[in-house]
Amino acid sequence: MSVSSKGKRRIIVEGQTYFWNVALDDESDYYLLNIVSDDKTLVLSCPLKARIPYLISKGRVFQTREMQGKWGWKRFALPFDVPDTVTPKFVEQLVVWSAHDRNAIQIHDAIEVPV
């Protein structure tokens, strides 16, 4: 089953289709950039304006590896800053880093996000 594209923008990165949007988090006062691949294997959320830039992986695959065990909600430090304005170029940068690189450092502690 494919992803609903309603309210989302589409981007094609290296031949794979992804859908993305920016939305207010249901459980807090901050915004998230949400990205999901058409086949739902790569599912990402990136908190905007976080004190320390990080990404949440919620999918089955991250940086070319199958997520082991319970594969939801793993946080990884980003090796680059999150811009004030989300652009397709930044979305592509996140997708390429999340799908192909292998240098992610997992974060195990909670990270504060300013309100």
PDB file of N, CA and C in Angstrom:
ATOM      1  N   MET A   1       0.844  -1.164   0.000  1.00  0.00           N
ATOM      2  CA  MET A   1       0.000   0.000   0.000  1.00  0.00           C
ATOM      3  C   MET A   1       0.897   1.237   0.000  1.00  0.00           C
ATOM      4  N   SER A   2       0.603   2.177  -0.858  1.00  0.00           N
ATOM      5  CA  SER A   2       1.426   3.385  -0.962  1.00  0.00           C
ATOM      6  C   SER A   2       0.996   4.429   0.069  1.00  0.00           C
ATOM      7  N   VAL A   3       1.786   5.458   0.164  1.00  0.00           N
ATOM      8  CA  VAL A   3       1.572   6.536   1.124  1.00  0.00           C
ATOM      9  C   VAL A   3       0.535   7.523   0.585  1.00  0.00           C
ATOM     10  N   SER A   4      -0.325   8.023   1.457  1.00  0.00           N
ATOM     11  CA  SER A   4      -1.259   9.079   1.067  1.00  0.00           C
ATOM     12  C   SER A   4      -0.473  10.346   0.803  1.00  0.00           C
ATOM     13  N   SER A   5      -0.730  10.973  -0.325  1.00  0.00           N
ATOM     14  CA  SER A   5       0.006  12.190  -0.681  1.00  0.00           C
ATOM     15  C   SER A   5      -0.769  13.463  -0.331  1.00  0.00           C
ATOM     16  N   LYS A   6      -1.937  13.321   0.243  1.00  0.00           N
ATOM     17  CA  LYS A   6      -2.748  14.489   0.576  1.00  0.00           C
ATOM     18  C   LYS A   6      -2.023  15.364   1.602  1.00  0.00           C
ATOM     19  N   GLY A   7      -1.838  16.640   1.260  1.00  0.00           N
ATOM     20  CA  GLY A   7      -1.180  17.579   2.148  1.00  0.00           C
ATOM     21  C   GLY A   7       0.325  17.432   2.209  1.00  0.00           C
ATOM     22  N   LYS A   8       0.901  16.636   1.311  1.00  0.00           N
ATOM     23  CA  LYS A   8       2.338  16.400   1.308  1.00  0.00           C
ATOM     24  C   LYS A   8       2.939  16.794  -0.032  1.00  0.00           C
ATOM     25  N   ARG A   9       4.213  17.133   0.003  1.00  0.00           N
ATOM     26  CA  ARG A   9       4.944  17.418  -1.226  1.00  0.00           C
ATOM     27  C   ARG A   9       5.687  16.161  -1.631  1.00  0.00           C
ATOM     28  N   ARG A  10       5.884  16.004  -2.926  1.00  0.00           N
ATOM     29  CA  ARG A  10       6.577  14.832  -3.463  1.00  0.00           C
ATOM     30  C   ARG A  10       7.967  15.249  -3.923  1.00  0.00           C
ATOM     31  N   ILE A  11       8.934  14.372  -3.675  1.00  0.00           N
ATOM     32  CA  ILE A  11      10.287  14.581  -4.154  1.00  0.00           C
ATOM     33  C   ILE A  11      10.841  13.231  -4.601  1.00  0.00           C
ATOM     34  N   ILE A  12      11.582  13.236  -5.680  1.00  0.00           N
ATOM     35  CA  ILE A  12      12.216  12.017  -6.169  1.00  0.00           C
ATOM     36  C   ILE A  12      13.712  12.180  -5.961  1.00  0.00           C
ATOM     37  N   VAL A  13      14.290  11.241  -5.213  1.00  0.00           N
ATOM     38  CA  VAL A  13      15.716  11.257  -4.915  1.00  0.00           C
ATOM     39  C   VAL A  13      16.296   9.928  -5.381  1.00  0.00           C
ATOM     40  N   GLU A  14      17.224  10.009  -6.322  1.00  0.00           N
ATOM     41  CA  GLU A  14      17.890   8.826  -6.862  1.00  0.00           C
ATOM     42  C   GLU A  14      16.889   7.756  -7.310  1.00  0.00           C
ATOM     43  N   GLY A  15      15.825   8.199  -7.966  1.00  0.00           N
ATOM     44  CA  GLY A  15      14.845   7.288  -8.536  1.00  0.00           C
ATOM     45  C   GLY A  15      13.772   6.801  -7.576  1.00  0.00           C
ATOM     46  N   GLN A  16      13.859   7.137  -6.306  1.00  0.00           N
ATOM     47  CA  GLN A  16      12.880   6.712  -5.299  1.00  0.00           C
ATOM     48  C   GLN A  16      11.974   7.893  -4.953  1.00  0.00           C
ATOM     49  N   THR A  17      10.693   7.649  -4.818  1.00  0.00           N
ATOM     50  CA  THR A  17       9.730   8.694  -4.487  1.00  0.00           C
ATOM     51  C   THR A  17       9.553   8.788  -2.972  1.00  0.00           C
ATOM     52  N   TYR A  18       9.568  10.023  -2.478  1.00  0.00           N
ATOM     53  CA  TYR A  18       9.350  10.319  -1.064  1.00  0.00           C
ATOM     54  C   TYR A  18       8.291  11.406  -0.961  1.00  0.00           C
ATOM     55  N   PHE A  19       7.582  11.407   0.157  1.00  0.00           N
ATOM     56  CA  PHE A  19       6.607  12.453   0.438  1.00  0.00           C
ATOM     57  C   PHE A  19       7.025  13.136   1.731  1.00  0.00           C
ATOM     58  N   TRP A  20       6.850  14.472   1.766  1.00  0.00           N
ATOM     59  CA  TRP A  20       7.273  15.208   2.944  1.00  0.00           C
ATOM     60  C   TRP A  20       6.314  16.337   3.262  1.00  0.00           C
ATOM     61  N   ASN A  21       6.291  16.706   4.527  1.00  0.00           N
ATOM     62  CA  ASN A  21       5.511  17.853   4.980  1.00  0.00           C
ATOM     63  C   ASN A  21       6.083  18.364   6.297  1.00  0.00           C
ATOM     64  N   VAL A  22       5.714  19.566   6.654  1.00  0.00           N
ATOM     65  CA  VAL A  22       6.058  20.148   7.945  1.00  0.00           C
ATOM     66  C   VAL A  22       4.751  20.304   8.701  1.00  0.00           C
ATOM     67  N   ALA A  23       4.722  19.781   9.919  1.00  0.00           N
ATOM     68  CA  ALA A  23       3.486  19.827  10.702  1.00  0.00           C
ATOM     69  C   ALA A  23       3.808  19.992  12.177  1.00  0.00           C
ATOM     70  N   LEU A  24       2.864  20.571  12.892  1.00  0.00           N
ATOM     71  CA  LEU A  24       2.990  20.707  14.336  1.00  0.00           C
ATOM     72  C   LEU A  24       2.936  19.319  14.962  1.00  0.00           C
ATOM     73  N   ASP A  25       3.858  19.051  15.876  1.00  0.00           N
ATOM     74  CA  ASP A  25       3.893  17.760  16.565  1.00  0.00           C
ATOM     75  C   ASP A  25       2.630  17.604  17.405  1.00  0.00           C
ATOM     76  N   ASP A  26       2.038  16.421  17.394  1.00  0.00           N
ATOM     77  CA  ASP A  26       0.806  16.172  18.144  1.00  0.00           C
ATOM     78  C   ASP A  26       0.995  16.252  19.653  1.00  0.00           C
ATOM     79  N   GLU A  27       2.224  16.014  20.116  1.00  0.00           N
ATOM     80  CA  GLU A  27       2.451  15.920  21.553  1.00  0.00           C
ATOM     81  C   GLU A  27       3.294  17.057  22.127  1.00  0.00           C
ATOM     82  N   SER A  28       3.594  18.078  21.323  1.00  0.00           N
ATOM     83  CA  SER A  28       4.411  19.179  21.836  1.00  0.00           C
ATOM     84  C   SER A  28       4.090  20.460  21.065  1.00  0.00           C
ATOM     85  N   ASP A  29       4.867  21.499  21.343  1.00  0.00           N
ATOM     86  CA  ASP A  29       4.632  22.799  20.711  1.00  0.00           C
ATOM     87  C   ASP A  29       5.606  23.105  19.592  1.00  0.00           C
ATOM     88  N   TYR A  30       6.255  22.120  19.037  1.00  0.00           N
ATOM     89  CA  TYR A  30       7.217  22.392  17.981  1.00  0.00           C
ATOM     90  C   TYR A  30       6.844  21.667  16.691  1.00  0.00           C
ATOM     91  N   TYR A  31       7.485  22.097  15.616  1.00  0.00           N
ATOM     92  CA  TYR A  31       7.202  21.557  14.293  1.00  0.00           C
ATOM     93  C   TYR A  31       8.189  20.464  13.917  1.00  0.00           C
ATOM     94  N   LEU A  32       7.706  19.517  13.117  1.00  0.00           N
ATOM     95  CA  LEU A  32       8.515  18.416  12.616  1.00  0.00           C
ATOM     96  C   LEU A  32       8.487  18.403  11.095  1.00  0.00           C
ATOM     97  N   LEU A  33       9.627  18.115  10.501  1.00  0.00           N
ATOM     98  CA  LEU A  33       9.688  17.778   9.083  1.00  0.00           C
ATOM     99  C   LEU A  33       9.517  16.275   9.020  1.00  0.00           C
ATOM    100  N   ASN A  34       8.483  15.807   8.340  1.00  0.00           N
ATOM    101  CA  ASN A  34       8.204  14.379   8.208  1.00  0.00           C
ATOM    102  C   ASN A  34       8.483  13.950   6.777  1.00  0.00           C
ATOM    103  N   ILE A  35       9.198  12.840   6.626  1.00  0.00           N
ATOM    104  CA  ILE A  35       9.543  12.301   5.314  1.00  0.00           C
ATOM    105  C   ILE A  35       9.245  10.805   5.325  1.00  0.00           C
ATOM    106  N   VAL A  36       8.598  10.311   4.272  1.00  0.00           N
ATOM    107  CA  VAL A  36       8.327   8.884   4.177  1.00  0.00           C
ATOM    108  C   VAL A  36       8.520   8.437   2.729  1.00  0.00           C
ATOM    109  N   SER A  37       9.180   7.293   2.559  1.00  0.00           N
ATOM    110  CA  SER A  37       9.343   6.749   1.212  1.00  0.00           C
ATOM    111  C   SER A  37       8.023   6.139   0.763  1.00  0.00           C
ATOM    112  N   ASP A  38       7.837   6.063  -0.542  1.00  0.00           N
ATOM    113  CA  ASP A  38       6.593   5.541  -1.103  1.00  0.00           C
ATOM    114  C   ASP A  38       6.326   4.109  -0.632  1.00  0.00           C
ATOM    115  N   ASP A  39       7.393   3.327  -0.418  1.00  0.00           N
ATOM    116  CA  ASP A  39       7.215   1.945   0.042  1.00  0.00           C
ATOM    117  C   ASP A  39       7.229   1.827   1.565  1.00  0.00           C
ATOM    118  N   LYS A  40       7.318   2.952   2.264  1.00  0.00           N
ATOM    119  CA  LYS A  40       7.255   3.060   3.725  1.00  0.00           C
ATOM    120  C   LYS A  40       8.425   2.401   4.455  1.00  0.00           C
ATOM    121  N   THR A  41       9.526   2.126   3.783  1.00  0.00           N
ATOM    122  CA  THR A  41      10.668   1.546   4.484  1.00  0.00           C
ATOM    123  C   THR A  41      11.473   2.606   5.213  1.00  0.00           C
ATOM    124  N   LEU A  42      11.547   3.814   4.649  1.00  0.00           N
ATOM    125  CA  LEU A  42      12.257   4.920   5.285  1.00  0.00           C
ATOM    126  C   LEU A  42      11.220   5.908   5.793  1.00  0.00           C
ATOM    127  N   VAL A  43      11.154   6.075   7.114  1.00  0.00           N
ATOM    128  CA  VAL A  43      10.206   6.995   7.740  1.00  0.00           C
ATOM    129  C   VAL A  43      11.009   7.863   8.704  1.00  0.00           C
ATOM    130  N   LEU A  44      11.004   9.176   8.469  1.00  0.00           N
ATOM    131  CA  LEU A  44      11.841  10.092   9.229  1.00  0.00           C
ATOM    132  C   LEU A  44      11.033  11.265   9.773  1.00  0.00           C
ATOM    133  N   SER A  45      11.460  11.762  10.920  1.00  0.00           N
ATOM    134  CA  SER A  45      10.954  13.017  11.466  1.00  0.00           C
ATOM    135  C   SER A  45      12.154  13.813  11.946  1.00  0.00           C
ATOM    136  N   CYS A  46      12.160  15.089  11.616  1.00  0.00           N
ATOM    137  CA  CYS A  46      13.260  15.968  12.014  1.00  0.00           C
ATOM    138  C   CYS A  46      12.674  17.162  12.757  1.00  0.00           C
ATOM    139  N   PRO A  47      12.900  17.256  14.077  1.00  0.00           N
ATOM    140  CA  PRO A  47      12.420  18.415  14.816  1.00  0.00           C
ATOM    141  C   PRO A  47      13.096  19.686  14.313  1.00  0.00           C
ATOM    142  N   LEU A  48      12.312  20.714  14.092  1.00  0.00           N
ATOM    143  CA  LEU A  48      12.849  21.982  13.638  1.00  0.00           C
ATOM    144  C   LEU A  48      13.178  22.853  14.845  1.00  0.00           C
ATOM    145  N   LYS A  49      14.227  23.613  14.750  1.00  0.00           N
ATOM    146  CA  LYS A  49      14.680  24.533  15.800  1.00  0.00           C
ATOM    147  C   LYS A  49      15.091  23.811  17.073  1.00  0.00           C
ATOM    148  N   ALA A  50      15.578  22.587  16.955  1.00  0.00           N
ATOM    149  CA  ALA A  50      16.100  21.869  18.111  1.00  0.00           C
ATOM    150  C   ALA A  50      17.451  22.463  18.497  1.00  0.00           C
ATOM    151  N   ARG A  51      17.745  22.456  19.774  1.00  0.00           N
ATOM    152  CA  ARG A  51      19.020  22.985  20.253  1.00  0.00           C
ATOM    153  C   ARG A  51      20.182  22.215  19.629  1.00  0.00           C
ATOM    154  N   ILE A  52      20.054  20.906  19.558  1.00  0.00           N
ATOM    155  CA  ILE A  52      21.031  20.035  18.899  1.00  0.00           C
ATOM    156  C   ILE A  52      20.296  19.357  17.745  1.00  0.00           C
ATOM    157  N   PRO A  53      20.778  19.508  16.489  1.00  0.00           N
ATOM    158  CA  PRO A  53      20.057  18.915  15.363  1.00  0.00           C
ATOM    159  C   PRO A  53      20.087  17.378  15.408  1.00  0.00           C
ATOM    160  N   TYR A  54      18.901  16.793  15.284  1.00  0.00           N
ATOM    161  CA  TYR A  54      18.814  15.337  15.272  1.00  0.00           C
ATOM    162  C   TYR A  54      17.641  14.897  14.405  1.00  0.00           C
ATOM    163  N   LEU A  55      17.616  13.604  14.131  1.00  0.00           N
ATOM    164  CA  LEU A  55      16.611  12.992  13.264  1.00  0.00           C
ATOM    165  C   LEU A  55      16.042  11.782  13.982  1.00  0.00           C
ATOM    166  N   ILE A  56      14.768  11.527  13.800  1.00  0.00           N
ATOM    167  CA  ILE A  56      14.127  10.342  14.364  1.00  0.00           C
ATOM    168  C   ILE A  56      13.815   9.401  13.209  1.00  0.00           C
ATOM    169  N   SER A  57      14.337   8.185  13.292  1.00  0.00           N
ATOM    170  CA  SER A  57      14.037   7.166  12.290  1.00  0.00           C
ATOM    171  C   SER A  57      12.950   6.254  12.846  1.00  0.00           C
ATOM    172  N   LYS A  58      11.870   6.105  12.071  1.00  0.00           N
ATOM    173  CA  LYS A  58      10.743   5.275  12.507  1.00  0.00           C
ATOM    174  C   LYS A  58      10.494   4.120  11.550  1.00  0.00           C
ATOM    175  N   GLY A  59      11.363   3.956  10.572  1.00  0.00           N
ATOM    176  CA  GLY A  59      11.147   2.946   9.539  1.00  0.00           C
ATOM    177  C   GLY A  59      11.908   1.659   9.770  1.00  0.00           C
ATOM    178  N   ARG A  60      11.821   0.772   8.800  1.00  0.00           N
ATOM    179  CA  ARG A  60      12.492  -0.525   8.880  1.00  0.00           C
ATOM    180  C   ARG A  60      13.944  -0.457   8.449  1.00  0.00           C
ATOM    181  N   VAL A  61      14.299   0.588   7.684  1.00  0.00           N
ATOM    182  CA  VAL A  61      15.655   0.709   7.160  1.00  0.00           C
ATOM    183  C   VAL A  61      16.189   2.098   7.491  1.00  0.00           C
ATOM    184  N   PHE A  62      17.488   2.141   7.858  1.00  0.00           N
ATOM    185  CA  PHE A  62      18.147   3.419   8.079  1.00  0.00           C
ATOM    186  C   PHE A  62      19.612   3.244   7.712  1.00  0.00           C
ATOM    187  N   GLN A  63      20.121   4.113   6.879  1.00  0.00           N
ATOM    188  CA  GLN A  63      21.504   4.084   6.392  1.00  0.00           C
ATOM    189  C   GLN A  63      21.890   2.683   5.909  1.00  0.00           C
ATOM    190  N   THR A  64      21.116   2.172   5.000  1.00  0.00           N
ATOM    191  CA  THR A  64      21.309   0.894   4.291  1.00  0.00           C
ATOM    192  C   THR A  64      21.215  -0.335   5.187  1.00  0.00           C
ATOM    193  N   ARG A  65      20.832  -0.179   6.441  1.00  0.00           N
ATOM    194  CA  ARG A  65      20.751  -1.326   7.351  1.00  0.00           C
ATOM    195  C   ARG A  65      19.319  -1.537   7.821  1.00  0.00           C
ATOM    196  N   GLU A  66      18.954  -2.796   7.936  1.00  0.00           N
ATOM    197  CA  GLU A  66      17.671  -3.124   8.550  1.00  0.00           C
ATOM    198  C   GLU A  66      17.765  -2.792  10.028  1.00  0.00           C
ATOM    199  N   MET A  67      16.743  -2.162  10.554  1.00  0.00           N
ATOM    200  CA  MET A  67      16.730  -1.839  11.979  1.00  0.00           C
ATOM    201  C   MET A  67      16.460  -3.136  12.751  1.00  0.00           C
ATOM    202  N   GLN A  68      17.269  -3.396  13.748  1.00  0.00           N
ATOM    203  CA  GLN A  68      17.176  -4.635  14.518  1.00  0.00           C
ATOM    204  C   GLN A  68      16.153  -4.494  15.643  1.00  0.00           C
ATOM    205  N   GLY A  69      15.522  -5.600  15.977  1.00  0.00           N
ATOM    206  CA  GLY A  69      14.578  -5.611  17.091  1.00  0.00           C
ATOM    207  C   GLY A  69      13.407  -4.690  16.834  1.00  0.00           C
ATOM    208  N   LYS A  70      12.988  -4.009  17.876  1.00  0.00           N
ATOM    209  CA  LYS A  70      11.905  -3.044  17.758  1.00  0.00           C
ATOM    210  C   LYS A  70      12.454  -1.835  17.022  1.00  0.00           C
ATOM    211  N   TRP A  71      12.027  -1.620  15.774  1.00  0.00           N
ATOM    212  CA  TRP A  71      12.691  -0.659  14.908  1.00  0.00           C
ATOM    213  C   TRP A  71      12.127   0.740  14.952  1.00  0.00           C
ATOM    214  N   GLY A  72      11.213   1.045  15.819  1.00  0.00           N
ATOM    215  CA  GLY A  72      10.645   2.388  15.824  1.00  0.00           C
ATOM    216  C   GLY A  72      11.376   3.370  16.711  1.00  0.00           C
ATOM    217  N   TRP A  73      11.349   4.627  16.328  1.00  0.00           N
ATOM    218  CA  TRP A  73      11.771   5.757  17.144  1.00  0.00           C
ATOM    219  C   TRP A  73      13.209   5.678  17.650  1.00  0.00           C
ATOM    220  N   LYS A  74      14.136   5.673  16.751  1.00  0.00           N
ATOM    221  CA  LYS A  74      15.549   5.780  17.123  1.00  0.00           C
ATOM    222  C   LYS A  74      16.035   7.157  16.707  1.00  0.00           C
ATOM    223  N   ARG A  75      16.747   7.814  17.606  1.00  0.00           N
ATOM    224  CA  ARG A  75      17.238   9.168  17.354  1.00  0.00           C
ATOM    225  C   ARG A  75      18.704   9.131  16.953  1.00  0.00           C
ATOM    226  N   PHE A  76      19.048   9.964  15.956  1.00  0.00           N
ATOM    227  CA  PHE A  76      20.417  10.043  15.470  1.00  0.00           C
ATOM    228  C   PHE A  76      20.821  11.504  15.340  1.00  0.00           C
ATOM    229  N   ALA A  77      22.042  11.824  15.798  1.00  0.00           N
ATOM    230  CA  ALA A  77      22.575  13.181  15.667  1.00  0.00           C
ATOM    231  C   ALA A  77      22.816  13.471  14.190  1.00  0.00           C
ATOM    232  N   LEU A  78      22.463  14.661  13.765  1.00  0.00           N
ATOM    233  CA  LEU A  78      22.710  15.066  12.382  1.00  0.00           C
ATOM    234  C   LEU A  78      24.108  15.681  12.274  1.00  0.00           C
ATOM    235  N   PRO A  79      24.848  15.375  11.216  1.00  0.00           N
ATOM    236  CA  PRO A  79      26.182  15.953  11.035  1.00  0.00           C
ATOM    237  C   PRO A  79      26.138  17.328  10.365  1.00  0.00           C
ATOM    238  N   PHE A  80      24.943  17.903  10.239  1.00  0.00           N
ATOM    239  CA  PHE A  80      24.766  19.218   9.614  1.00  0.00           C
ATOM    240  C   PHE A  80      23.599  19.913  10.305  1.00  0.00           C
ATOM    241  N   ASP A  81      23.527  21.212  10.140  1.00  0.00           N
ATOM    242  CA  ASP A  81      22.470  22.009  10.776  1.00  0.00           C
ATOM    243  C   ASP A  81      21.155  21.908  10.018  1.00  0.00           C
ATOM    244  N   VAL A  82      20.077  22.156  10.745  1.00  0.00           N
ATOM    245  CA  VAL A  82      18.745  22.229  10.163  1.00  0.00           C
ATOM    246  C   VAL A  82      18.477  23.703   9.852  1.00  0.00           C
ATOM    247  N   PRO A  83      18.149  24.036   8.602  1.00  0.00           N
ATOM    248  CA  PRO A  83      17.923  25.444   8.254  1.00  0.00           C
ATOM    249  C   PRO A  83      16.623  25.973   8.865  1.00  0.00           C
ATOM    250  N   ASP A  84      16.517  27.296   8.905  1.00  0.00           N
ATOM    251  CA  ASP A  84      15.292  27.915   9.418  1.00  0.00           C
ATOM    252  C   ASP A  84      14.104  27.658   8.505  1.00  0.00           C
ATOM    253  N   THR A  85      14.360  27.564   7.207  1.00  0.00           N
ATOM    254  CA  THR A  85      13.315  27.302   6.221  1.00  0.00           C
ATOM    255  C   THR A  85      13.595  25.969   5.538  1.00  0.00           C
ATOM    256  N   VAL A  86      12.606  25.083   5.558  1.00  0.00           N
ATOM    257  CA  VAL A  86      12.772  23.774   4.926  1.00  0.00           C
ATOM    258  C   VAL A  86      12.601  23.930   3.422  1.00  0.00           C
ATOM    259  N   THR A  87      13.567  23.419   2.669  1.00  0.00           N
ATOM    260  CA  THR A  87      13.540  23.471   1.212  1.00  0.00           C
ATOM    261  C   THR A  87      13.646  22.062   0.651  1.00  0.00           C
ATOM    262  N   PRO A  88      13.251  21.866  -0.602  1.00  0.00           N
ATOM    263  CA  PRO A  88      13.448  20.552  -1.216  1.00  0.00           C
ATOM    264  C   PRO A  88      14.914  20.104  -1.197  1.00  0.00           C
ATOM    265  N   LYS A  89      15.841  21.049  -1.320  1.00  0.00           N
ATOM    266  CA  LYS A  89      17.263  20.700  -1.277  1.00  0.00           C
ATOM    267  C   LYS A  89      17.635  20.104   0.088  1.00  0.00           C
ATOM    268  N   PHE A  90      17.117  20.676   1.170  1.00  0.00           N
ATOM    269  CA  PHE A  90      17.386  20.129   2.499  1.00  0.00           C
ATOM    270  C   PHE A  90      16.726  18.758   2.663  1.00  0.00           C
ATOM    271  N   VAL A  91      15.501  18.600   2.174  1.00  0.00           N
ATOM    272  CA  VAL A  91      14.818  17.301   2.243  1.00  0.00           C
ATOM    273  C   VAL A  91      15.659  16.249   1.516  1.00  0.00           C
ATOM    274  N   GLU A  92      16.158  16.591   0.346  1.00  0.00           N
ATOM    275  CA  GLU A  92      17.014  15.664  -0.406  1.00  0.00           C
ATOM    276  C   GLU A  92      18.269  15.325   0.391  1.00  0.00           C
ATOM    277  N   GLN A  93      18.891  16.321   1.028  1.00  0.00           N
ATOM    278  CA  GLN A  93      20.088  16.087   1.826  1.00  0.00           C
ATOM    279  C   GLN A  93      19.800  15.092   2.959  1.00  0.00           C
ATOM    280  N   LEU A  94      18.677  15.254   3.653  1.00  0.00           N
ATOM    281  CA  LEU A  94      18.299  14.320   4.713  1.00  0.00           C
ATOM    282  C   LEU A  94      18.070  12.916   4.179  1.00  0.00           C
ATOM    283  N   VAL A  95      17.377  12.820   3.052  1.00  0.00           N
ATOM    284  CA  VAL A  95      17.087  11.513   2.469  1.00  0.00           C
ATOM    285  C   VAL A  95      18.380  10.806   2.067  1.00  0.00           C
ATOM    286  N   VAL A  96      19.268  11.504   1.385  1.00  0.00           N
ATOM    287  CA  VAL A  96      20.527  10.886   0.952  1.00  0.00           C
ATOM    288  C   VAL A  96      21.327  10.429   2.166  1.00  0.00           C
ATOM    289  N   TRP A  97      21.443  11.279   3.184  1.00  0.00           N
ATOM    290  CA  TRP A  97      22.187  10.911   4.387  1.00  0.00           C
ATOM    291  C   TRP A  97      21.533   9.714   5.086  1.00  0.00           C
ATOM    292  N   SER A  98      20.214   9.714   5.187  1.00  0.00           N
ATOM    293  CA  SER A  98      19.494   8.647   5.897  1.00  0.00           C
ATOM    294  C   SER A  98      19.452   7.331   5.137  1.00  0.00           C
ATOM    295  N   ALA A  99      19.488   7.404   3.822  1.00  0.00           N
ATOM    296  CA  ALA A  99      19.357   6.190   3.019  1.00  0.00           C
ATOM    297  C   ALA A  99      20.699   5.578   2.637  1.00  0.00           C
ATOM    298  N   HIS A 100      21.750   6.388   2.518  1.00  0.00           N
ATOM    299  CA  HIS A 100      22.985   5.863   1.932  1.00  0.00           C
ATOM    300  C   HIS A 100      24.235   5.957   2.794  1.00  0.00           C
ATOM    301  N   ASP A 101      24.310   6.961   3.662  1.00  0.00           N
ATOM    302  CA  ASP A 101      25.511   7.087   4.493  1.00  0.00           C
ATOM    303  C   ASP A 101      25.535   6.000   5.559  1.00  0.00           C
ATOM    304  N   ARG A 102      26.651   5.920   6.278  1.00  0.00           N
ATOM    305  CA  ARG A 102      26.779   4.920   7.335  1.00  0.00           C
ATOM    306  C   ARG A 102      27.447   5.509   8.569  1.00  0.00           C
ATOM    307  N   ASN A 103      27.379   6.815   8.744  1.00  0.00           N
ATOM    308  CA  ASN A 103      28.099   7.462   9.828  1.00  0.00           C
ATOM    309  C   ASN A 103      27.204   7.974  10.952  1.00  0.00           C
ATOM    310  N   ALA A 104      25.999   7.487  11.066  1.00  0.00           N
ATOM    311  CA  ALA A 104      25.061   7.995  12.071  1.00  0.00           C
ATOM    312  C   ALA A 104      25.486   7.603  13.479  1.00  0.00           C
ATOM    313  N   ILE A 105      25.308   8.532  14.391  1.00  0.00           N
ATOM    314  CA  ILE A 105      25.568   8.289  15.802  1.00  0.00           C
ATOM    315  C   ILE A 105      24.225   8.326  16.517  1.00  0.00           C
ATOM    316  N   GLN A 106      23.868   7.196  17.124  1.00  0.00           N
ATOM    317  CA  GLN A 106      22.581   7.120  17.801  1.00  0.00           C
ATOM    318  C   GLN A 106      22.638   7.902  19.111  1.00  0.00           C
ATOM    319  N   ILE A 107      21.557   8.602  19.403  1.00  0.00           N
ATOM    320  CA  ILE A 107      21.403   9.358  20.636  1.00  0.00           C
ATOM    321  C   ILE A 107      20.473   8.583  21.535  1.00  0.00           C
ATOM    322  N   HIS A 108      20.910   8.313  22.741  1.00  0.00           N
ATOM    323  CA  HIS A 108      20.080   7.515  23.652  1.00  0.00           C
ATOM    324  C   HIS A 108      19.341   8.343  24.686  1.00  0.00           C
ATOM    325  N   ASP A 109      19.814   9.569  24.934  1.00  0.00           N
ATOM    326  CA  ASP A 109      19.166  10.427  25.929  1.00  0.00           C
ATOM    327  C   ASP A 109      18.182  11.349  25.231  1.00  0.00           C
ATOM    328  N   ALA A 110      17.229  11.826  26.003  1.00  0.00           N
ATOM    329  CA  ALA A 110      16.264  12.787  25.467  1.00  0.00           C
ATOM    330  C   ALA A 110      16.971  14.094  25.155  1.00  0.00           C
ATOM    331  N   ILE A 111      16.493  14.774  24.143  1.00  0.00           N
ATOM    332  CA  ILE A 111      17.059  16.049  23.732  1.00  0.00           C
ATOM    333  C   ILE A 111      16.008  17.128  23.935  1.00  0.00           C
ATOM    334  N   GLU A 112      16.414  18.242  24.526  1.00  0.00           N
ATOM    335  CA  GLU A 112      15.482  19.351  24.716  1.00  0.00           C
ATOM    336  C   GLU A 112      15.255  20.077  23.403  1.00  0.00           C
ATOM    337  N   VAL A 113      14.023  20.416  23.161  1.00  0.00           N
ATOM    338  CA  VAL A 113      13.662  21.205  21.995  1.00  0.00           C
ATOM    339  C   VAL A 113      13.021  22.479  22.503  1.00  0.00           C
ATOM    340  N   PRO A 114      13.534  23.648  22.143  1.00  0.00           N
ATOM    341  CA  PRO A 114      12.933  24.883  22.643  1.00  0.00           C
ATOM    342  C   PRO A 114      11.531  25.087  22.113  1.00  0.00           C
ATOM    343  N   VAL A 115      10.720  25.729  22.907  1.00  0.00           N
ATOM    344  CA  VAL A 115       9.339  25.998  22.508  1.00  0.00           C
ATOM    345  C   VAL A 115       9.250  27.344  21.846  1.00  0.00           C
TER     346      VAL A 115
END
